[in-house]
Protein backbone atom coordinates (compact mmCIF):
# COMPACT_ATOMS: atom_id res chain seq x y z
CA MET A 1 85.81 -4.64 -43.63
CA PRO A 2 85.65 -1.53 -41.43
CA SER A 3 86.11 -2.18 -37.74
CA LEU A 4 82.87 -2.80 -35.92
CA SER A 5 81.85 -0.06 -33.56
CA MET A 6 82.48 -1.23 -30.02
CA PRO A 7 80.57 0.95 -27.53
CA SER A 8 81.67 -1.23 -24.65
CA LEU A 9 85.32 -0.75 -25.55
CA SER A 10 84.89 3.02 -25.56
CA MET A 11 83.84 2.95 -21.91
CA PRO A 12 86.39 3.89 -19.27
CA SER A 13 87.87 0.90 -17.48
CA PRO A 14 87.16 0.10 -13.83
CA GLN A 15 89.83 1.25 -11.39
CA SER A 16 92.85 -1.00 -11.76
CA VAL A 17 93.78 -2.93 -8.63
CA ASP A 18 97.00 -4.87 -8.04
CA PRO A 19 96.28 -8.42 -9.33
CA ALA A 20 98.12 -9.76 -6.28
CA SER A 21 95.90 -7.80 -3.86
CA ALA A 22 93.09 -9.28 -1.80
CA THR A 23 90.59 -7.76 -4.23
CA HIS A 24 91.63 -10.44 -6.75
CA THR A 25 93.04 -13.19 -4.54
CA ARG A 26 91.15 -13.26 -1.21
CA ARG A 27 90.81 -16.90 -0.15
CA GLY A 28 87.89 -18.44 1.65
CA GLU A 29 88.10 -19.65 5.21
CA PRO A 30 89.14 -23.32 5.32
CA LYS A 31 86.10 -25.44 6.15
CA PRO A 32 85.33 -29.15 6.21
CA PHE A 33 82.93 -28.96 3.29
CA ASP A 34 80.66 -31.98 3.31
CA ALA A 35 78.13 -31.18 0.56
CA ILE A 36 77.69 -29.23 -2.66
CA LEU A 37 74.70 -26.98 -3.30
CA PHE A 38 74.26 -26.74 -7.06
CA ALA A 39 72.30 -23.49 -7.38
CA SER A 40 70.55 -22.24 -10.49
CA PHE A 41 67.81 -19.94 -11.78
CA GLY A 42 65.11 -22.52 -12.35
CA GLY A 43 62.58 -22.98 -15.13
CA PRO A 44 59.01 -24.23 -15.66
CA ASP A 45 58.31 -27.93 -16.23
CA GLY A 46 55.10 -27.52 -18.25
CA GLN A 47 52.58 -25.07 -19.68
CA GLU A 48 50.73 -24.72 -16.37
CA ASP A 49 53.98 -23.70 -14.65
CA VAL A 50 54.92 -20.84 -16.97
CA ILE A 51 53.00 -17.94 -15.41
CA PRO A 52 53.62 -19.03 -11.78
CA PHE A 53 57.33 -19.31 -12.63
CA LEU A 54 57.39 -15.83 -14.17
CA ARG A 55 55.59 -14.45 -11.12
CA ASN A 56 58.44 -15.83 -9.03
CA VAL A 57 61.03 -14.26 -11.33
CA THR A 58 59.37 -10.84 -11.12
CA ARG A 59 58.19 -11.00 -7.50
CA GLY A 60 57.95 -7.63 -5.83
CA ARG A 61 57.77 -5.66 -9.08
CA GLY A 62 53.99 -5.59 -9.46
CA ILE A 63 54.03 -6.79 -13.08
CA PRO A 64 50.54 -7.90 -14.21
CA ASP A 65 49.98 -11.31 -15.77
CA GLU A 66 49.09 -9.68 -19.11
CA ARG A 67 52.66 -8.44 -19.42
CA LEU A 68 54.08 -11.73 -18.22
CA GLU A 69 52.22 -13.45 -21.07
CA GLU A 70 54.47 -11.63 -23.53
CA VAL A 71 57.50 -13.49 -22.16
CA ALA A 72 55.46 -16.62 -21.51
CA GLY A 73 55.12 -17.04 -25.26
CA HIS A 74 58.82 -17.90 -25.48
CA TYR A 75 58.36 -20.77 -23.03
CA ARG A 76 55.05 -21.87 -24.53
CA ALA A 77 56.66 -22.16 -27.96
CA LEU A 78 59.05 -24.67 -26.37
CA GLY A 79 56.25 -26.72 -24.84
CA GLY A 80 56.23 -24.79 -21.57
CA ARG A 81 59.35 -26.55 -20.34
CA SER A 82 62.66 -24.76 -19.97
CA PRO A 83 65.66 -26.78 -21.16
CA ILE A 84 67.65 -25.48 -18.18
CA THR A 85 66.42 -28.14 -15.75
CA ALA A 86 67.44 -31.13 -17.85
CA GLN A 87 70.77 -29.49 -18.64
CA ASN A 88 71.45 -28.83 -14.96
CA GLU A 89 70.58 -32.41 -14.07
CA ALA A 90 72.96 -33.66 -16.76
CA MET A 91 75.73 -31.38 -15.46
CA ILE A 92 75.16 -32.60 -11.90
CA ALA A 93 75.43 -36.24 -12.99
CA ALA A 94 78.61 -35.52 -14.95
CA LEU A 95 80.09 -33.52 -12.06
CA ALA A 96 79.39 -36.33 -9.61
CA GLN A 97 81.25 -38.71 -11.91
CA GLU A 98 84.17 -36.29 -12.32
CA LEU A 99 84.47 -35.78 -8.56
CA ALA A 100 84.33 -39.52 -7.93
CA GLY A 101 87.21 -39.94 -10.36
CA ARG A 102 89.20 -37.56 -8.16
CA ASP A 103 88.24 -39.47 -5.00
CA ILE A 104 86.11 -36.54 -3.81
CA GLU A 105 83.00 -37.87 -2.14
CA LEU A 106 80.61 -34.97 -1.68
CA PRO A 107 76.86 -35.35 -2.25
CA ILE A 108 75.34 -32.78 -4.61
CA TYR A 109 72.03 -31.12 -3.76
CA PHE A 110 70.15 -29.20 -6.46
CA GLY A 111 68.20 -26.02 -5.70
CA ASN A 112 66.75 -23.13 -7.73
CA ARG A 113 65.80 -19.54 -7.02
CA ASN A 114 62.55 -19.46 -8.99
CA TRP A 115 61.19 -23.00 -9.38
CA ALA A 116 61.26 -26.43 -7.83
CA PRO A 117 63.44 -27.81 -6.47
CA TYR A 118 63.92 -24.59 -4.51
CA HIS A 119 67.03 -23.67 -2.54
CA ALA A 120 65.16 -24.18 0.73
CA GLU A 121 64.27 -27.76 -0.21
CA ALA A 122 67.90 -28.52 -1.01
CA VAL A 123 69.21 -26.94 2.21
CA ARG A 124 66.66 -28.73 4.39
CA ALA A 125 67.58 -32.00 2.67
CA LEU A 126 71.33 -31.63 3.14
CA HIS A 127 70.79 -30.65 6.78
CA ALA A 128 68.52 -33.66 7.35
CA ASP A 129 71.26 -35.86 5.89
CA GLY A 130 73.69 -34.56 8.50
CA HIS A 131 75.67 -32.06 6.43
CA ARG A 132 76.68 -28.72 7.89
CA HIS A 133 79.13 -27.02 5.48
CA ALA A 134 77.90 -26.67 1.90
CA LEU A 135 79.87 -25.26 -1.02
CA GLY A 136 77.66 -23.40 -3.50
CA LEU A 137 78.22 -23.87 -7.24
CA VAL A 138 76.14 -21.47 -9.32
CA THR A 139 75.31 -21.50 -13.02
CA SER A 140 76.58 -18.00 -13.68
CA ALA A 141 80.17 -17.10 -14.46
CA TYR A 142 80.47 -13.32 -14.02
CA SER A 143 80.35 -10.59 -11.38
CA SER A 144 77.14 -8.56 -11.01
CA TYR A 145 74.18 -8.38 -8.69
CA SER A 146 72.03 -10.86 -10.62
CA SER A 147 74.86 -13.25 -11.53
CA CYS A 148 76.79 -13.34 -8.24
CA ARG A 149 75.55 -11.33 -5.27
CA GLN A 150 71.93 -12.44 -5.67
CA TYR A 151 73.07 -16.04 -5.24
CA ARG A 152 74.95 -15.02 -2.10
CA GLU A 153 71.71 -13.41 -0.93
CA ASP A 154 69.80 -16.57 -1.83
CA PHE A 155 72.14 -18.52 0.43
CA GLY A 156 71.89 -15.99 3.25
CA MET A 157 68.10 -15.76 3.02
CA VAL A 158 67.53 -19.51 2.85
CA LEU A 159 69.53 -19.97 6.06
CA GLU A 160 67.29 -17.38 7.71
CA GLU A 161 64.12 -18.89 6.21
CA THR A 162 64.95 -22.42 7.35
CA GLY A 163 66.20 -21.34 10.76
CA LEU A 164 69.53 -23.01 10.03
CA ALA A 165 71.72 -19.88 10.22
CA GLY A 166 74.57 -20.66 12.60
CA GLU A 167 74.05 -24.39 12.16
CA VAL A 168 74.65 -24.70 8.42
CA SER A 169 77.08 -22.61 6.36
CA ILE A 170 76.94 -22.06 2.60
CA ASP A 171 80.01 -20.65 0.86
CA LYS A 172 80.06 -19.73 -2.83
CA VAL A 173 82.85 -20.63 -5.25
CA ARG A 174 84.67 -17.81 -7.00
CA VAL A 175 83.47 -16.20 -10.19
CA TYR A 176 84.80 -18.49 -12.92
CA PHE A 177 84.49 -16.73 -16.29
CA ASN A 178 88.31 -16.83 -16.37
CA HIS A 179 88.69 -20.59 -15.95
CA PRO A 180 90.03 -22.14 -19.17
CA GLY A 181 87.49 -24.95 -18.88
CA PHE A 182 84.73 -22.40 -19.41
CA LEU A 183 86.38 -20.57 -22.31
CA GLU A 184 88.17 -23.33 -24.26
CA PRO A 185 84.90 -24.85 -25.53
CA VAL A 186 83.94 -21.37 -26.72
CA VAL A 187 87.21 -21.09 -28.67
CA ASP A 188 86.48 -24.39 -30.41
CA GLY A 189 82.91 -23.34 -31.12
CA VAL A 190 83.94 -20.06 -32.75
CA ALA A 191 86.64 -21.83 -34.76
CA GLY A 192 84.10 -24.37 -35.98
CA ALA A 193 81.60 -21.69 -36.95
CA LEU A 194 84.23 -19.73 -38.88
CA ALA A 195 85.39 -22.88 -40.66
CA SER A 196 81.81 -23.70 -41.60
CA LEU A 197 81.29 -20.25 -43.07
CA ALA A 198 84.62 -20.38 -44.89
CA ALA A 199 83.58 -23.68 -46.46
CA GLU A 200 80.53 -21.86 -47.84
CA GLY A 201 82.73 -19.16 -49.35
CA HIS A 202 82.51 -16.44 -46.70
CA ASP A 203 85.77 -14.48 -46.32
CA ALA A 204 86.83 -13.71 -42.75
CA GLU A 205 86.78 -9.99 -43.47
CA ARG A 206 83.06 -10.27 -44.27
CA VAL A 207 82.14 -12.12 -41.07
CA ALA A 208 81.24 -10.43 -37.78
CA VAL A 209 81.70 -12.23 -34.45
CA LEU A 210 79.14 -11.03 -31.90
CA PHE A 211 79.76 -12.08 -28.32
CA SER A 212 76.39 -11.88 -26.59
CA THR A 213 75.50 -11.64 -22.92
CA HIS A 214 72.49 -10.70 -20.82
CA SER A 215 71.85 -6.98 -20.69
CA VAL A 216 71.47 -5.49 -17.22
CA PRO A 217 70.54 -1.98 -16.05
CA HIS A 218 73.40 0.51 -16.18
CA SER A 219 73.11 0.93 -12.42
CA MET A 220 73.62 -2.80 -11.85
CA ALA A 221 76.63 -2.91 -14.17
CA GLU A 222 78.16 0.16 -12.51
CA ALA A 223 77.84 -1.48 -9.07
CA SER A 224 79.42 -4.75 -10.19
CA GLY A 225 82.68 -5.57 -8.50
CA PRO A 226 84.26 -4.28 -5.29
CA GLU A 227 83.67 -0.71 -4.19
CA GLU A 228 87.30 0.31 -4.71
CA THR A 229 87.19 -0.55 -8.44
CA ARG A 230 84.20 1.55 -9.47
CA VAL A 231 84.54 4.20 -12.16
CA GLU A 232 81.45 5.98 -13.45
CA GLY A 233 80.50 4.89 -16.95
CA SER A 234 82.77 1.83 -16.97
CA GLY A 235 80.14 -0.89 -16.71
CA GLY A 236 82.08 -2.23 -13.73
CA TRP A 237 83.50 -5.70 -13.44
CA TYR A 238 80.52 -7.11 -15.38
CA VAL A 239 81.56 -5.46 -18.63
CA ALA A 240 85.31 -5.70 -17.93
CA GLN A 241 85.14 -9.46 -17.34
CA HIS A 242 83.13 -10.07 -20.50
CA LEU A 243 85.56 -8.04 -22.58
CA ALA A 244 88.49 -9.91 -21.06
CA ALA A 245 86.85 -13.22 -21.93
CA CYS A 246 86.17 -12.10 -25.52
CA ARG A 247 89.74 -10.91 -26.00
CA TRP A 248 91.14 -14.19 -24.72
CA VAL A 249 88.95 -16.25 -27.04
CA MET A 250 90.01 -14.22 -30.08
CA GLU A 251 93.67 -14.37 -29.05
CA GLN A 252 93.55 -18.18 -29.02
CA LEU A 253 92.04 -18.21 -32.49
CA HIS A 254 94.73 -15.84 -33.72
CA ASP A 255 97.38 -18.49 -33.05
CA ASP A 256 95.90 -20.67 -35.82
CA ALA A 257 94.34 -18.04 -38.08
CA PRO A 258 96.13 -14.67 -38.14
CA GLU A 259 93.33 -13.17 -40.29
CA LEU A 260 90.28 -13.04 -38.08
CA PRO A 261 86.95 -11.20 -38.25
CA ASP A 262 86.28 -8.16 -36.13
CA TRP A 263 84.29 -8.80 -32.99
CA GLN A 264 81.98 -6.93 -30.67
CA LEU A 265 80.35 -7.43 -27.28
CA VAL A 266 76.57 -7.14 -27.63
CA PHE A 267 73.64 -7.60 -25.28
CA GLN A 268 70.31 -9.39 -25.29
CA SER A 269 67.19 -10.25 -23.28
CA ARG A 270 66.53 -6.75 -21.97
CA SER A 271 63.45 -6.46 -19.76
CA GLY A 272 61.98 -3.91 -17.37
CA SER A 273 60.91 -0.32 -17.86
CA PRO A 274 61.89 1.29 -21.18
CA HIS A 275 62.73 4.40 -19.17
CA THR A 276 65.55 2.62 -17.32
CA PRO A 277 68.86 2.60 -19.23
CA TRP A 278 70.27 -0.88 -19.87
CA LEU A 279 73.51 -2.00 -21.48
CA GLU A 280 73.53 -1.75 -25.27
CA PRO A 281 73.79 -2.41 -28.19
CA ASP A 282 71.19 -5.15 -28.64
CA VAL A 283 72.27 -8.10 -30.74
CA ASN A 284 69.40 -7.65 -33.19
CA ASP A 285 70.17 -3.97 -33.68
CA VAL A 286 73.80 -4.78 -34.45
CA ILE A 287 72.84 -7.45 -36.97
CA ALA A 288 70.52 -4.98 -38.68
CA GLN A 289 73.25 -2.32 -38.67
CA LEU A 290 75.78 -4.66 -40.26
CA ALA A 291 73.32 -5.44 -43.03
CA ALA A 292 72.42 -1.77 -43.55
CA GLU A 293 76.09 -0.82 -43.82
CA HIS A 294 76.85 -3.80 -46.10
CA SER A 295 79.85 -4.51 -43.88
CA ALA A 296 79.24 -8.23 -43.34
CA ASP A 297 77.75 -11.21 -45.14
CA ALA A 298 77.59 -13.45 -42.08
CA VAL A 299 77.45 -13.31 -38.29
CA VAL A 300 78.72 -15.70 -35.65
CA VAL A 301 76.81 -15.20 -32.41
CA VAL A 302 78.62 -16.42 -29.30
CA PRO A 303 76.59 -16.63 -26.04
CA ILE A 304 79.69 -15.81 -23.98
CA GLY A 305 77.62 -14.74 -20.97
CA PHE A 306 75.74 -18.03 -20.55
CA VAL A 307 76.62 -21.44 -19.17
CA THR A 308 73.83 -23.48 -20.81
CA ASP A 309 71.47 -23.32 -23.79
CA HIS A 310 68.44 -22.20 -21.79
CA VAL A 311 65.41 -20.24 -23.04
CA GLU A 312 67.22 -16.91 -23.40
CA VAL A 313 69.71 -18.61 -25.70
CA VAL A 314 67.32 -20.90 -27.57
CA TRP A 315 64.67 -18.20 -28.07
CA ASP A 316 66.50 -14.87 -28.10
CA LEU A 317 69.37 -16.11 -30.26
CA ASP A 318 68.28 -19.26 -32.11
CA THR A 319 64.88 -17.77 -32.92
CA GLU A 320 64.92 -13.95 -32.83
CA ALA A 321 68.55 -13.18 -33.73
CA LYS A 322 68.57 -15.88 -36.39
CA GLU A 323 65.35 -14.50 -37.90
CA THR A 324 66.84 -11.00 -37.94
CA ALA A 325 69.92 -12.27 -39.77
CA GLU A 326 67.85 -14.21 -42.30
CA GLU A 327 65.56 -11.22 -42.92
CA LYS A 328 68.64 -9.09 -43.59
CA GLY A 329 70.25 -11.66 -45.86
CA LEU A 330 73.12 -12.61 -43.53
CA ALA A 331 74.36 -16.13 -42.92
CA PHE A 332 74.03 -17.06 -39.24
CA ARG A 333 75.89 -19.35 -36.89
CA ARG A 334 75.34 -19.70 -33.14
CA VAL A 335 78.09 -21.20 -31.01
CA ALA A 336 77.11 -23.68 -28.29
CA THR A 337 77.48 -22.81 -24.62
CA SER A 338 80.09 -24.65 -22.55
CA GLY A 339 77.37 -26.44 -20.54
CA GLU A 340 77.97 -30.16 -20.61
CA ASP A 341 81.39 -30.04 -22.31
CA PRO A 342 83.75 -32.31 -20.31
CA ARG A 343 86.23 -29.45 -19.94
CA PHE A 344 83.61 -27.32 -18.24
CA ILE A 345 82.57 -30.16 -15.96
CA ALA A 346 86.24 -30.57 -15.03
CA ALA A 347 86.36 -26.81 -14.36
CA LEU A 348 83.46 -27.12 -11.90
CA ALA A 349 85.32 -29.94 -10.18
CA ASP A 350 88.42 -27.71 -10.04
CA LEU A 351 86.37 -25.01 -8.30
CA VAL A 352 85.36 -27.54 -5.68
CA GLN A 353 88.83 -29.02 -5.28
CA GLU A 354 90.55 -25.66 -4.87
CA ARG A 355 88.33 -24.99 -1.84
CA LEU A 356 89.05 -28.40 -0.36
CA ASP A 357 92.81 -28.21 -0.89
CA ALA A 358 94.64 -24.90 -0.45
CA GLN A 359 97.56 -26.31 -2.47
CA PHE A 360 95.43 -27.21 -5.49
CA PRO A 361 96.51 -24.97 -8.42
CA ARG A 362 94.00 -22.33 -9.47
CA ARG A 363 93.62 -22.19 -13.23
CA VAL A 364 93.06 -18.64 -14.44
CA VAL A 365 93.27 -17.10 -17.91
CA THR A 366 92.49 -13.68 -19.49
CA ASP A 367 94.12 -10.35 -18.73
CA PHE A 368 91.56 -9.61 -16.00
CA GLY A 369 93.44 -11.62 -13.39
CA GLY A 370 92.08 -13.77 -10.61
CA THR A 371 88.77 -13.60 -8.80
CA PRO A 372 88.38 -13.96 -5.02
CA ASP A 373 86.59 -16.66 -3.04
CA VAL A 374 85.27 -13.98 -0.70
CA CYS A 375 83.78 -10.81 -2.19
CA GLY A 376 84.84 -7.36 -1.02
CA ALA A 377 82.78 -4.83 0.90
CA ASN A 378 79.61 -3.64 -0.87
CA CYS A 379 80.45 -5.83 -3.84
CA CYS A 380 77.70 -5.78 -6.52
CA VAL A 381 75.26 -4.10 -4.13
CA GLY A 382 71.53 -4.20 -4.88
CA ARG A 383 68.66 -1.89 -4.01
CA GLN A 384 68.12 -3.17 -0.47
CA CYS A 385 70.09 -4.94 2.22
CA ARG A 386 69.59 -8.69 2.42
CA PRO A 387 71.57 -11.31 4.33
CA THR A 388 74.51 -12.66 2.33
CA THR A 389 77.30 -15.20 2.58
CA SER A 390 80.82 -15.28 1.12
CA ALA A 391 81.75 -11.61 1.54
CA VAL A 392 83.91 -9.70 4.00
CA ASP A 393 80.81 -7.79 5.10
CA SER A 394 78.33 -10.69 5.17
CA ALA A 395 78.02 -10.57 8.97
CA GLN A 396 77.01 -6.90 8.74
CA ASP A 397 74.56 -7.71 5.92
CA VAL A 398 72.88 -10.33 8.10
CA GLU A 399 72.68 -8.01 11.10
CA GLN A 400 71.31 -5.11 9.04
CA ALA A 401 68.76 -7.30 7.25
CA ARG A 402 67.54 -8.70 10.57
CA ALA A 403 67.26 -5.20 12.01
CA ASP A 404 65.33 -4.00 8.95
CA ALA A 405 62.99 -6.98 9.19
CA ALA A 406 62.42 -6.40 12.91
CA GLY A 407 61.68 -2.73 12.24
CA SER A 408 59.19 -3.60 9.50
CA THR A 409 57.45 -6.10 11.76
CA ALA A 410 57.24 -3.59 14.58
CA ALA A 411 55.88 -0.91 12.25
CA ALA A 412 53.28 -3.31 10.83
CA GLY A 413 52.10 -4.17 14.33
CA ALA A 414 51.89 -0.58 15.56
CA PRO A 415 48.38 0.72 16.30
CA ALA A 416 46.91 3.05 13.69
C-alpha cells in the first residue's frame, strides 16, 4: 500500500527547546490544595436545552438560531442529551475512589463552561465549604487556546465573577496527552481493531489508521504553546503533541506486530466561517480519498484528541465518518476514548498527586518531552486579554483584563 499522504508531517516543526528547560518542566508553586475542580465543556440535558446550550458555546459570535439548528440536529438525534455529562460524573466517582485508595482526601467539585453545573456554581460551593486552594482537572489533554488556555481563563474569570479573587486560588494540572495512562488504552484499542479486521481477512497493508482530533483555526494552532517555540506554518504545540502521541501509539504496536498499517493525523468537527482556514485534512475527505485511490479496504479511526465519547465522537465519527466509509465500501472500526478506563482514572490521580507531593514521580512518554505545570508567557494566546491562572504572566493578564473592563465601563458611561 502506498504511504498515506501526511500533510501534518510535512509542516515545519515548532522551535525545539531543551527538554530540561523551564518551558517543559516548570513546576507549580507548592500549595495546600484542599479541593479539586473537575472542569469540562458541558452539554445539554434534554431537547429544550439544546439551543440555549449552543448559544452559550457560541456567545459573542452573533450566530443566529437558524444556523445553530444545523448543529442542534446532532444533539436532537441523541435525544437532546449529551453523553458527556454522564461520562464526567462516572469519571468523578471513579477518581474519588482512586484517590481514596491512595489516602488522598480531597472533595471533587464539578463545573462546566457552557452548561450546568457551571464553574461559578462549583467555585461558590467549594468556597462555602471552607476550601481555598483548588486544583483544576480539565477534560482536554493538549495545548491550544480552546483546550488549555481557555480553561485557565475560565478559572481566572470565575474568580473575578464571584468576587473570590485573592481569597480562592485555582491552579490547573499540566497538559497530559503524554501520560501513559491516557495513551495505553488507545494502544489496546487500535490493536483490538486491527485484530478484528485481520480476523475478517483484511491485510494490514490494506488498512489505514486515521488518528482524529478536533480541527481548530490555523491561527489558534500557530499560537499554541509558549512564545519561544513558535514557527510559522508548524501548527504549534497542538499539532506537535498530537503527532508525538500518534507516533508513540504506533511504536508500541510495532513491538508485537512489525507489519503495521500506515497512519495519518486527520481532523474533524470544523465550524465557523468557511473563509477562515482550519487544520486539514478532514476525516471524511481522507476516507473518500482512500476509496478513490483504491489504497485501502478498511479504516481504523482513533479519536486521539478526545478524552470521552461525547457528541463530536458519537456523531462526527460513529455516524458521519462511518457512513462515509460504508458508502465508499470500506470496513470501519472506531477505537474507544480513554475516558473511564481505570488506567486513565489512575492517570488523573497521578496528576493530582504530583502537585501534592513534589517527590511523586511524573510519568511521561512520547518524544515530545514533559509539559509544565505553569504555562509560559503568552502561551496559547487568544483574541483578547482575559484574566488567567497557572501561567508566568497570569498576574499581568488579570491586571490588563481589569484595566480593559474599567475602560469599557468608563466609555459606556461617557455622555454622548
